[in-house]
Amino acid sequence: MLLTSAGVRNPTIHNALLDLPLVSGAAAAVRRTTSGSQLLVGYLAVDEGFDAQASLALLRGRLPAPLVPRLAVVPELPTRTSG
């Protein structure tokens, strides 16, 4: 797995996010806290009725603890012109 500020290149995390109920798009990235610690964040585009707590519980059951991201719901995921 490669963790960078631009994103996380790990198909396991990406697929786990996309497999969550009512998730239409997902991306993961590493962010830094104000204290300088790294934090894995899963950005999700979701449909109505999405349950963040239930989704987090599913991720905890499917991924090793260090790979479970914090979840952030966004209106849409940005895309690059290169794909």
PDB file of N, CA and C in Angstrom:
ATOM      1  N   MET A   1       0.841  -1.168   0.000  1.00  0.00           N
ATOM      2  CA  MET A   1       0.000   0.000   0.000  1.00  0.00           C
ATOM      3  C   MET A   1       0.885   1.228   0.000  1.00  0.00           C
ATOM      4  N   LEU A   2       0.490   2.216  -0.765  1.00  0.00           N
ATOM      5  CA  LEU A   2       1.225   3.469  -0.825  1.00  0.00           C
ATOM      6  C   LEU A   2       0.344   4.568  -0.273  1.00  0.00           C
ATOM      7  N   LEU A   3       0.799   5.224   0.792  1.00  0.00           N
ATOM      8  CA  LEU A   3       0.076   6.345   1.374  1.00  0.00           C
ATOM      9  C   LEU A   3       0.773   7.631   0.993  1.00  0.00           C
ATOM     10  N   THR A   4       0.052   8.520   0.325  1.00  0.00           N
ATOM     11  CA  THR A   4       0.593   9.816  -0.040  1.00  0.00           C
ATOM     12  C   THR A   4      -0.465  10.870   0.256  1.00  0.00           C
ATOM     13  N   SER A   5      -0.068  12.134   0.232  1.00  0.00           N
ATOM     14  CA  SER A   5      -1.043  13.195   0.450  1.00  0.00           C
ATOM     15  C   SER A   5      -2.017  13.284  -0.717  1.00  0.00           C
ATOM     16  N   ALA A   6      -1.638  12.761  -1.877  1.00  0.00           N
ATOM     17  CA  ALA A   6      -2.513  12.807  -3.045  1.00  0.00           C
ATOM     18  C   ALA A   6      -3.578  11.729  -3.002  1.00  0.00           C
ATOM     19  N   GLY A   7      -3.335  10.657  -2.301  1.00  0.00           N
ATOM     20  CA  GLY A   7      -4.324   9.596  -2.235  1.00  0.00           C
ATOM     21  C   GLY A   7      -3.716   8.302  -1.742  1.00  0.00           C
ATOM     22  N   VAL A   8      -4.551   7.310  -1.624  1.00  0.00           N
ATOM     23  CA  VAL A   8      -4.122   6.006  -1.151  1.00  0.00           C
ATOM     24  C   VAL A   8      -4.277   5.037  -2.312  1.00  0.00           C
ATOM     25  N   ARG A   9      -3.181   4.406  -2.675  1.00  0.00           N
ATOM     26  CA  ARG A   9      -3.234   3.434  -3.756  1.00  0.00           C
ATOM     27  C   ARG A   9      -3.314   2.039  -3.162  1.00  0.00           C
ATOM     28  N   ASN A  10      -4.513   1.677  -2.772  1.00  0.00           N
ATOM     29  CA  ASN A  10      -4.744   0.370  -2.192  1.00  0.00           C
ATOM     30  C   ASN A  10      -6.133  -0.084  -2.612  1.00  0.00           C
ATOM     31  N   PRO A  11      -6.193  -1.053  -3.533  1.00  0.00           N
ATOM     32  CA  PRO A  11      -7.510  -1.483  -4.000  1.00  0.00           C
ATOM     33  C   PRO A  11      -8.373  -2.102  -2.899  1.00  0.00           C
ATOM     34  N   THR A  12      -7.767  -2.651  -1.862  1.00  0.00           N
ATOM     35  CA  THR A  12      -8.545  -3.246  -0.780  1.00  0.00           C
ATOM     36  C   THR A  12      -9.385  -2.182  -0.080  1.00  0.00           C
ATOM     37  N   ILE A  13      -8.780  -1.054   0.252  1.00  0.00           N
ATOM     38  CA  ILE A  13      -9.509   0.035   0.913  1.00  0.00           C
ATOM     39  C   ILE A  13     -10.567   0.597  -0.029  1.00  0.00           C
ATOM     40  N   HIS A  14     -10.165   0.883  -1.258  1.00  0.00           N
ATOM     41  CA  HIS A  14     -11.087   1.460  -2.236  1.00  0.00           C
ATOM     42  C   HIS A  14     -12.297   0.548  -2.449  1.00  0.00           C
ATOM     43  N   ASN A  15     -12.063  -0.725  -2.646  1.00  0.00           N
ATOM     44  CA  ASN A  15     -13.162  -1.665  -2.863  1.00  0.00           C
ATOM     45  C   ASN A  15     -14.046  -1.798  -1.632  1.00  0.00           C
ATOM     46  N   ALA A  16     -13.448  -1.782  -0.449  1.00  0.00           N
ATOM     47  CA  ALA A  16     -14.239  -1.870   0.780  1.00  0.00           C
ATOM     48  C   ALA A  16     -15.158  -0.657   0.910  1.00  0.00           C
ATOM     49  N   LEU A  17     -14.663   0.514   0.539  1.00  0.00           N
ATOM     50  CA  LEU A  17     -15.492   1.722   0.581  1.00  0.00           C
ATOM     51  C   LEU A  17     -16.624   1.636  -0.436  1.00  0.00           C
ATOM     52  N   LEU A  18     -16.305   1.198  -1.650  1.00  0.00           N
ATOM     53  CA  LEU A  18     -17.319   1.103  -2.699  1.00  0.00           C
ATOM     54  C   LEU A  18     -18.369   0.035  -2.406  1.00  0.00           C
ATOM     55  N   ASP A  19     -18.007  -0.973  -1.626  1.00  0.00           N
ATOM     56  CA  ASP A  19     -18.938  -2.050  -1.292  1.00  0.00           C
ATOM     57  C   ASP A  19     -19.917  -1.674  -0.183  1.00  0.00           C
ATOM     58  N   LEU A  20     -19.738  -0.510   0.424  1.00  0.00           N
ATOM     59  CA  LEU A  20     -20.651  -0.100   1.493  1.00  0.00           C
ATOM     60  C   LEU A  20     -22.034   0.218   0.917  1.00  0.00           C
ATOM     61  N   PRO A  21     -23.088  -0.097   1.658  1.00  0.00           N
ATOM     62  CA  PRO A  21     -24.438   0.199   1.190  1.00  0.00           C
ATOM     63  C   PRO A  21     -24.648   1.689   0.932  1.00  0.00           C
ATOM     64  N   LEU A  22     -25.267   1.999  -0.177  1.00  0.00           N
ATOM     65  CA  LEU A  22     -25.650   3.354  -0.578  1.00  0.00           C
ATOM     66  C   LEU A  22     -24.470   4.268  -0.900  1.00  0.00           C
ATOM     67  N   VAL A  23     -23.301   3.692  -1.193  1.00  0.00           N
ATOM     68  CA  VAL A  23     -22.139   4.470  -1.615  1.00  0.00           C
ATOM     69  C   VAL A  23     -22.050   4.415  -3.135  1.00  0.00           C
ATOM     70  N   SER A  24     -22.035   5.587  -3.776  1.00  0.00           N
ATOM     71  CA  SER A  24     -21.967   5.645  -5.236  1.00  0.00           C
ATOM     72  C   SER A  24     -20.570   5.982  -5.747  1.00  0.00           C
ATOM     73  N   GLY A  25     -19.701   6.463  -4.874  1.00  0.00           N
ATOM     74  CA  GLY A  25     -18.328   6.767  -5.261  1.00  0.00           C
ATOM     75  C   GLY A  25     -17.473   6.893  -4.015  1.00  0.00           C
ATOM     76  N   ALA A  26     -16.177   6.587  -4.158  1.00  0.00           N
ATOM     77  CA  ALA A  26     -15.309   6.620  -2.986  1.00  0.00           C
ATOM     78  C   ALA A  26     -13.865   6.901  -3.381  1.00  0.00           C
ATOM     79  N   ALA A  27     -13.146   7.524  -2.479  1.00  0.00           N
ATOM     80  CA  ALA A  27     -11.711   7.758  -2.626  1.00  0.00           C
ATOM     81  C   ALA A  27     -11.121   7.822  -1.222  1.00  0.00           C
ATOM     82  N   ALA A  28      -9.870   7.459  -1.096  1.00  0.00           N
ATOM     83  CA  ALA A  28      -9.191   7.530   0.198  1.00  0.00           C
ATOM     84  C   ALA A  28      -7.943   8.385   0.057  1.00  0.00           C
ATOM     85  N   ALA A  29      -7.626   9.107   1.112  1.00  0.00           N
ATOM     86  CA  ALA A  29      -6.445   9.967   1.117  1.00  0.00           C
ATOM     87  C   ALA A  29      -5.907  10.083   2.529  1.00  0.00           C
ATOM     88  N   VAL A  30      -4.642  10.410   2.617  1.00  0.00           N
ATOM     89  CA  VAL A  30      -4.005  10.646   3.906  1.00  0.00           C
ATOM     90  C   VAL A  30      -3.967  12.150   4.142  1.00  0.00           C
ATOM     91  N   ARG A  31      -4.421  12.560   5.298  1.00  0.00           N
ATOM     92  CA  ARG A  31      -4.387  13.965   5.694  1.00  0.00           C
ATOM     93  C   ARG A  31      -3.572  14.079   6.970  1.00  0.00           C
ATOM     94  N   ARG A  32      -3.082  15.264   7.225  1.00  0.00           N
ATOM     95  CA  ARG A  32      -2.325  15.525   8.455  1.00  0.00           C
ATOM     96  C   ARG A  32      -3.177  16.334   9.423  1.00  0.00           C
ATOM     97  N   THR A  33      -3.095  15.939  10.689  1.00  0.00           N
ATOM     98  CA  THR A  33      -3.786  16.689  11.728  1.00  0.00           C
ATOM     99  C   THR A  33      -2.952  17.928  12.062  1.00  0.00           C
ATOM    100  N   THR A  34      -3.498  18.799  12.872  1.00  0.00           N
ATOM    101  CA  THR A  34      -2.751  19.997  13.268  1.00  0.00           C
ATOM    102  C   THR A  34      -1.493  19.651  14.044  1.00  0.00           C
ATOM    103  N   SER A  35      -1.485  18.469  14.687  1.00  0.00           N
ATOM    104  CA  SER A  35      -0.299  18.049  15.430  1.00  0.00           C
ATOM    105  C   SER A  35       0.711  17.322  14.546  1.00  0.00           C
ATOM    106  N   GLY A  36       0.354  17.106  13.266  1.00  0.00           N
ATOM    107  CA  GLY A  36       1.284  16.479  12.336  1.00  0.00           C
ATOM    108  C   GLY A  36       1.095  14.982  12.147  1.00  0.00           C
ATOM    109  N   SER A  37       0.134  14.395  12.839  1.00  0.00           N
ATOM    110  CA  SER A  37      -0.130  12.964  12.683  1.00  0.00           C
ATOM    111  C   SER A  37      -0.840  12.702  11.364  1.00  0.00           C
ATOM    112  N   GLN A  38      -0.604  11.515  10.803  1.00  0.00           N
ATOM    113  CA  GLN A  38      -1.293  11.139   9.575  1.00  0.00           C
ATOM    114  C   GLN A  38      -2.629  10.501   9.913  1.00  0.00           C
ATOM    115  N   LEU A  39      -3.630  10.804   9.076  1.00  0.00           N
ATOM    116  CA  LEU A  39      -4.974  10.309   9.279  1.00  0.00           C
ATOM    117  C   LEU A  39      -5.503   9.811   7.939  1.00  0.00           C
ATOM    118  N   LEU A  40      -5.976   8.576   7.891  1.00  0.00           N
ATOM    119  CA  LEU A  40      -6.547   8.007   6.683  1.00  0.00           C
ATOM    120  C   LEU A  40      -8.027   8.390   6.629  1.00  0.00           C
ATOM    121  N   VAL A  41      -8.433   9.021   5.516  1.00  0.00           N
ATOM    122  CA  VAL A  41      -9.808   9.480   5.360  1.00  0.00           C
ATOM    123  C   VAL A  41     -10.417   8.832   4.122  1.00  0.00           C
ATOM    124  N   GLY A  42     -11.619   8.315   4.279  1.00  0.00           N
ATOM    125  CA  GLY A  42     -12.380   7.790   3.152  1.00  0.00           C
ATOM    126  C   GLY A  42     -13.456   8.792   2.790  1.00  0.00           C
ATOM    127  N   TYR A  43     -13.359   9.355   1.578  1.00  0.00           N
ATOM    128  CA  TYR A  43     -14.349  10.317   1.091  1.00  0.00           C
ATOM    129  C   TYR A  43     -15.407   9.547   0.326  1.00  0.00           C
ATOM    130  N   LEU A  44     -16.668   9.787   0.662  1.00  0.00           N
ATOM    131  CA  LEU A  44     -17.752   9.024   0.082  1.00  0.00           C
ATOM    132  C   LEU A  44     -18.818   9.921  -0.537  1.00  0.00           C
ATOM    133  N   ALA A  45     -19.227   9.580  -1.752  1.00  0.00           N
ATOM    134  CA  ALA A  45     -20.431  10.141  -2.350  1.00  0.00           C
ATOM    135  C   ALA A  45     -21.517   9.105  -2.088  1.00  0.00           C
ATOM    136  N   VAL A  46     -22.609   9.529  -1.463  1.00  0.00           N
ATOM    137  CA  VAL A  46     -23.598   8.561  -0.987  1.00  0.00           C
ATOM    138  C   VAL A  46     -25.004   8.919  -1.470  1.00  0.00           C
ATOM    139  N   ASP A  47     -25.860   7.904  -1.406  1.00  0.00           N
ATOM    140  CA  ASP A  47     -27.276   8.093  -1.697  1.00  0.00           C
ATOM    141  C   ASP A  47     -28.015   8.334  -0.391  1.00  0.00           C
ATOM    142  N   GLU A  48     -29.244   8.809  -0.507  1.00  0.00           N
ATOM    143  CA  GLU A  48     -30.070   9.093   0.659  1.00  0.00           C
ATOM    144  C   GLU A  48     -30.247   7.833   1.507  1.00  0.00           C
ATOM    145  N   GLY A  49     -30.140   7.996   2.801  1.00  0.00           N
ATOM    146  CA  GLY A  49     -30.307   6.882   3.717  1.00  0.00           C
ATOM    147  C   GLY A  49     -28.998   6.262   4.169  1.00  0.00           C
ATOM    148  N   PHE A  50     -27.867   6.781   3.688  1.00  0.00           N
ATOM    149  CA  PHE A  50     -26.560   6.257   4.084  1.00  0.00           C
ATOM    150  C   PHE A  50     -26.396   6.360   5.600  1.00  0.00           C
ATOM    151  N   ASP A  51     -25.891   5.302   6.211  1.00  0.00           N
ATOM    152  CA  ASP A  51     -25.683   5.244   7.661  1.00  0.00           C
ATOM    153  C   ASP A  51     -24.175   5.143   7.938  1.00  0.00           C
ATOM    154  N   ALA A  52     -23.578   6.242   8.359  1.00  0.00           N
ATOM    155  CA  ALA A  52     -22.131   6.288   8.573  1.00  0.00           C
ATOM    156  C   ALA A  52     -21.683   5.333   9.680  1.00  0.00           C
ATOM    157  N   GLN A  53     -22.434   5.244  10.772  1.00  0.00           N
ATOM    158  CA  GLN A  53     -22.037   4.378  11.879  1.00  0.00           C
ATOM    159  C   GLN A  53     -22.085   2.904  11.470  1.00  0.00           C
ATOM    160  N   ALA A  54     -23.124   2.515  10.753  1.00  0.00           N
ATOM    161  CA  ALA A  54     -23.225   1.128  10.291  1.00  0.00           C
ATOM    162  C   ALA A  54     -22.116   0.826   9.281  1.00  0.00           C
ATOM    163  N   SER A  55     -21.806   1.793   8.437  1.00  0.00           N
ATOM    164  CA  SER A  55     -20.740   1.605   7.453  1.00  0.00           C
ATOM    165  C   SER A  55     -19.384   1.463   8.123  1.00  0.00           C
ATOM    166  N   LEU A  56     -19.144   2.257   9.135  1.00  0.00           N
ATOM    167  CA  LEU A  56     -17.888   2.154   9.876  1.00  0.00           C
ATOM    168  C   LEU A  56     -17.772   0.788  10.546  1.00  0.00           C
ATOM    169  N   ALA A  57     -18.870   0.290  11.078  1.00  0.00           N
ATOM    170  CA  ALA A  57     -18.862  -1.046  11.701  1.00  0.00           C
ATOM    171  C   ALA A  57     -18.550  -2.121  10.657  1.00  0.00           C
ATOM    172  N   LEU A  58     -19.107  -1.987   9.462  1.00  0.00           N
ATOM    173  CA  LEU A  58     -18.804  -2.940   8.387  1.00  0.00           C
ATOM    174  C   LEU A  58     -17.319  -2.903   8.029  1.00  0.00           C
ATOM    175  N   LEU A  59     -16.769  -1.697   7.903  1.00  0.00           N
ATOM    176  CA  LEU A  59     -15.353  -1.573   7.566  1.00  0.00           C
ATOM    177  C   LEU A  59     -14.470  -2.189   8.641  1.00  0.00           C
ATOM    178  N   ARG A  60     -14.840  -1.999   9.892  1.00  0.00           N
ATOM    179  CA  ARG A  60     -14.055  -2.579  10.999  1.00  0.00           C
ATOM    180  C   ARG A  60     -14.063  -4.107  10.955  1.00  0.00           C
ATOM    181  N   GLY A  61     -15.123  -4.677  10.401  1.00  0.00           N
ATOM    182  CA  GLY A  61     -15.195  -6.120  10.277  1.00  0.00           C
ATOM    183  C   GLY A  61     -14.479  -6.655   9.044  1.00  0.00           C
ATOM    184  N   ARG A  62     -14.220  -5.789   8.072  1.00  0.00           N
ATOM    185  CA  ARG A  62     -13.633  -6.222   6.801  1.00  0.00           C
ATOM    186  C   ARG A  62     -12.161  -5.872   6.626  1.00  0.00           C
ATOM    187  N   LEU A  63     -11.693  -4.873   7.329  1.00  0.00           N
ATOM    188  CA  LEU A  63     -10.322  -4.382   7.139  1.00  0.00           C
ATOM    189  C   LEU A  63      -9.522  -4.484   8.433  1.00  0.00           C
ATOM    190  N   PRO A  64      -8.200  -4.638   8.318  1.00  0.00           N
ATOM    191  CA  PRO A  64      -7.358  -4.538   9.517  1.00  0.00           C
ATOM    192  C   PRO A  64      -7.497  -3.131  10.118  1.00  0.00           C
ATOM    193  N   ALA A  65      -7.421  -3.027  11.412  1.00  0.00           N
ATOM    194  CA  ALA A  65      -7.643  -1.754  12.112  1.00  0.00           C
ATOM    195  C   ALA A  65      -6.875  -0.566  11.523  1.00  0.00           C
ATOM    196  N   PRO A  66      -5.578  -0.712  11.156  1.00  0.00           N
ATOM    197  CA  PRO A  66      -4.860   0.453  10.625  1.00  0.00           C
ATOM    198  C   PRO A  66      -5.373   0.929   9.264  1.00  0.00           C
ATOM    199  N   LEU A  67      -6.166   0.103   8.590  1.00  0.00           N
ATOM    200  CA  LEU A  67      -6.667   0.470   7.261  1.00  0.00           C
ATOM    201  C   LEU A  67      -8.093   1.001   7.282  1.00  0.00           C
ATOM    202  N   VAL A  68      -8.705   1.074   8.453  1.00  0.00           N
ATOM    203  CA  VAL A  68     -10.068   1.592   8.546  1.00  0.00           C
ATOM    204  C   VAL A  68      -9.995   3.118   8.564  1.00  0.00           C
ATOM    205  N   PRO A  69     -10.527   3.760   7.520  1.00  0.00           N
ATOM    206  CA  PRO A  69     -10.431   5.218   7.457  1.00  0.00           C
ATOM    207  C   PRO A  69     -11.536   5.918   8.244  1.00  0.00           C
ATOM    208  N   ARG A  70     -11.290   7.165   8.557  1.00  0.00           N
ATOM    209  CA  ARG A  70     -12.367   8.040   9.014  1.00  0.00           C
ATOM    210  C   ARG A  70     -13.238   8.284   7.789  1.00  0.00           C
ATOM    211  N   LEU A  71     -14.527   8.415   7.966  1.00  0.00           N
ATOM    212  CA  LEU A  71     -15.411   8.606   6.829  1.00  0.00           C
ATOM    213  C   LEU A  71     -15.856  10.061   6.729  1.00  0.00           C
ATOM    214  N   ALA A  72     -15.822  10.571   5.505  1.00  0.00           N
ATOM    215  CA  ALA A  72     -16.277  11.928   5.230  1.00  0.00           C
ATOM    216  C   ALA A  72     -17.200  11.889   4.018  1.00  0.00           C
ATOM    217  N   VAL A  73     -18.442  12.302   4.219  1.00  0.00           N
ATOM    218  CA  VAL A  73     -19.403  12.334   3.121  1.00  0.00           C
ATOM    219  C   VAL A  73     -19.251  13.659   2.388  1.00  0.00           C
ATOM    220  N   VAL A  74     -19.134  13.569   1.065  1.00  0.00           N
ATOM    221  CA  VAL A  74     -18.987  14.747   0.219  1.00  0.00           C
ATOM    222  C   VAL A  74     -20.094  14.739  -0.844  1.00  0.00           C
ATOM    223  N   PRO A  75     -20.490  15.911  -1.346  1.00  0.00           N
ATOM    224  CA  PRO A  75     -21.558  15.951  -2.349  1.00  0.00           C
ATOM    225  C   PRO A  75     -21.188  15.226  -3.643  1.00  0.00           C
ATOM    226  N   GLU A  76     -19.937  15.342  -4.025  1.00  0.00           N
ATOM    227  CA  GLU A  76     -19.441  14.629  -5.202  1.00  0.00           C
ATOM    228  C   GLU A  76     -17.936  14.522  -5.112  1.00  0.00           C
ATOM    229  N   LEU A  77     -17.387  13.519  -5.790  1.00  0.00           N
ATOM    230  CA  LEU A  77     -15.944  13.331  -5.788  1.00  0.00           C
ATOM    231  C   LEU A  77     -15.348  14.069  -6.970  1.00  0.00           C
ATOM    232  N   PRO A  78     -14.259  14.808  -6.751  1.00  0.00           N
ATOM    233  CA  PRO A  78     -13.627  15.487  -7.878  1.00  0.00           C
ATOM    234  C   PRO A  78     -13.002  14.464  -8.824  1.00  0.00           C
ATOM    235  N   THR A  79     -13.004  14.779 -10.095  1.00  0.00           N
ATOM    236  CA  THR A  79     -12.356  13.917 -11.078  1.00  0.00           C
ATOM    237  C   THR A  79     -11.311  14.720 -11.824  1.00  0.00           C
ATOM    238  N   ARG A  80     -10.330  14.031 -12.314  1.00  0.00           N
ATOM    239  CA  ARG A  80      -9.268  14.659 -13.107  1.00  0.00           C
ATOM    240  C   ARG A  80      -9.576  14.455 -14.588  1.00  0.00           C
ATOM    241  N   THR A  81      -9.100  15.334 -15.405  1.00  0.00           N
ATOM    242  CA  THR A  81      -9.309  15.176 -16.836  1.00  0.00           C
ATOM    243  C   THR A  81      -8.588  13.958 -17.375  1.00  0.00           C
ATOM    244  N   SER A  82      -7.564  13.487 -16.652  1.00  0.00           N
ATOM    245  CA  SER A  82      -6.818  12.301 -17.087  1.00  0.00           C
ATOM    246  C   SER A  82      -7.505  11.012 -16.667  1.00  0.00           C
ATOM    247  N   GLY A  83      -8.604  11.105 -15.944  1.00  0.00           N
ATOM    248  CA  GLY A  83      -9.345   9.916 -15.529  1.00  0.00           C
ATOM    249  C   GLY A  83      -9.312   9.751 -14.088  1.00  0.00           C
TER     250      GLY A  83
END
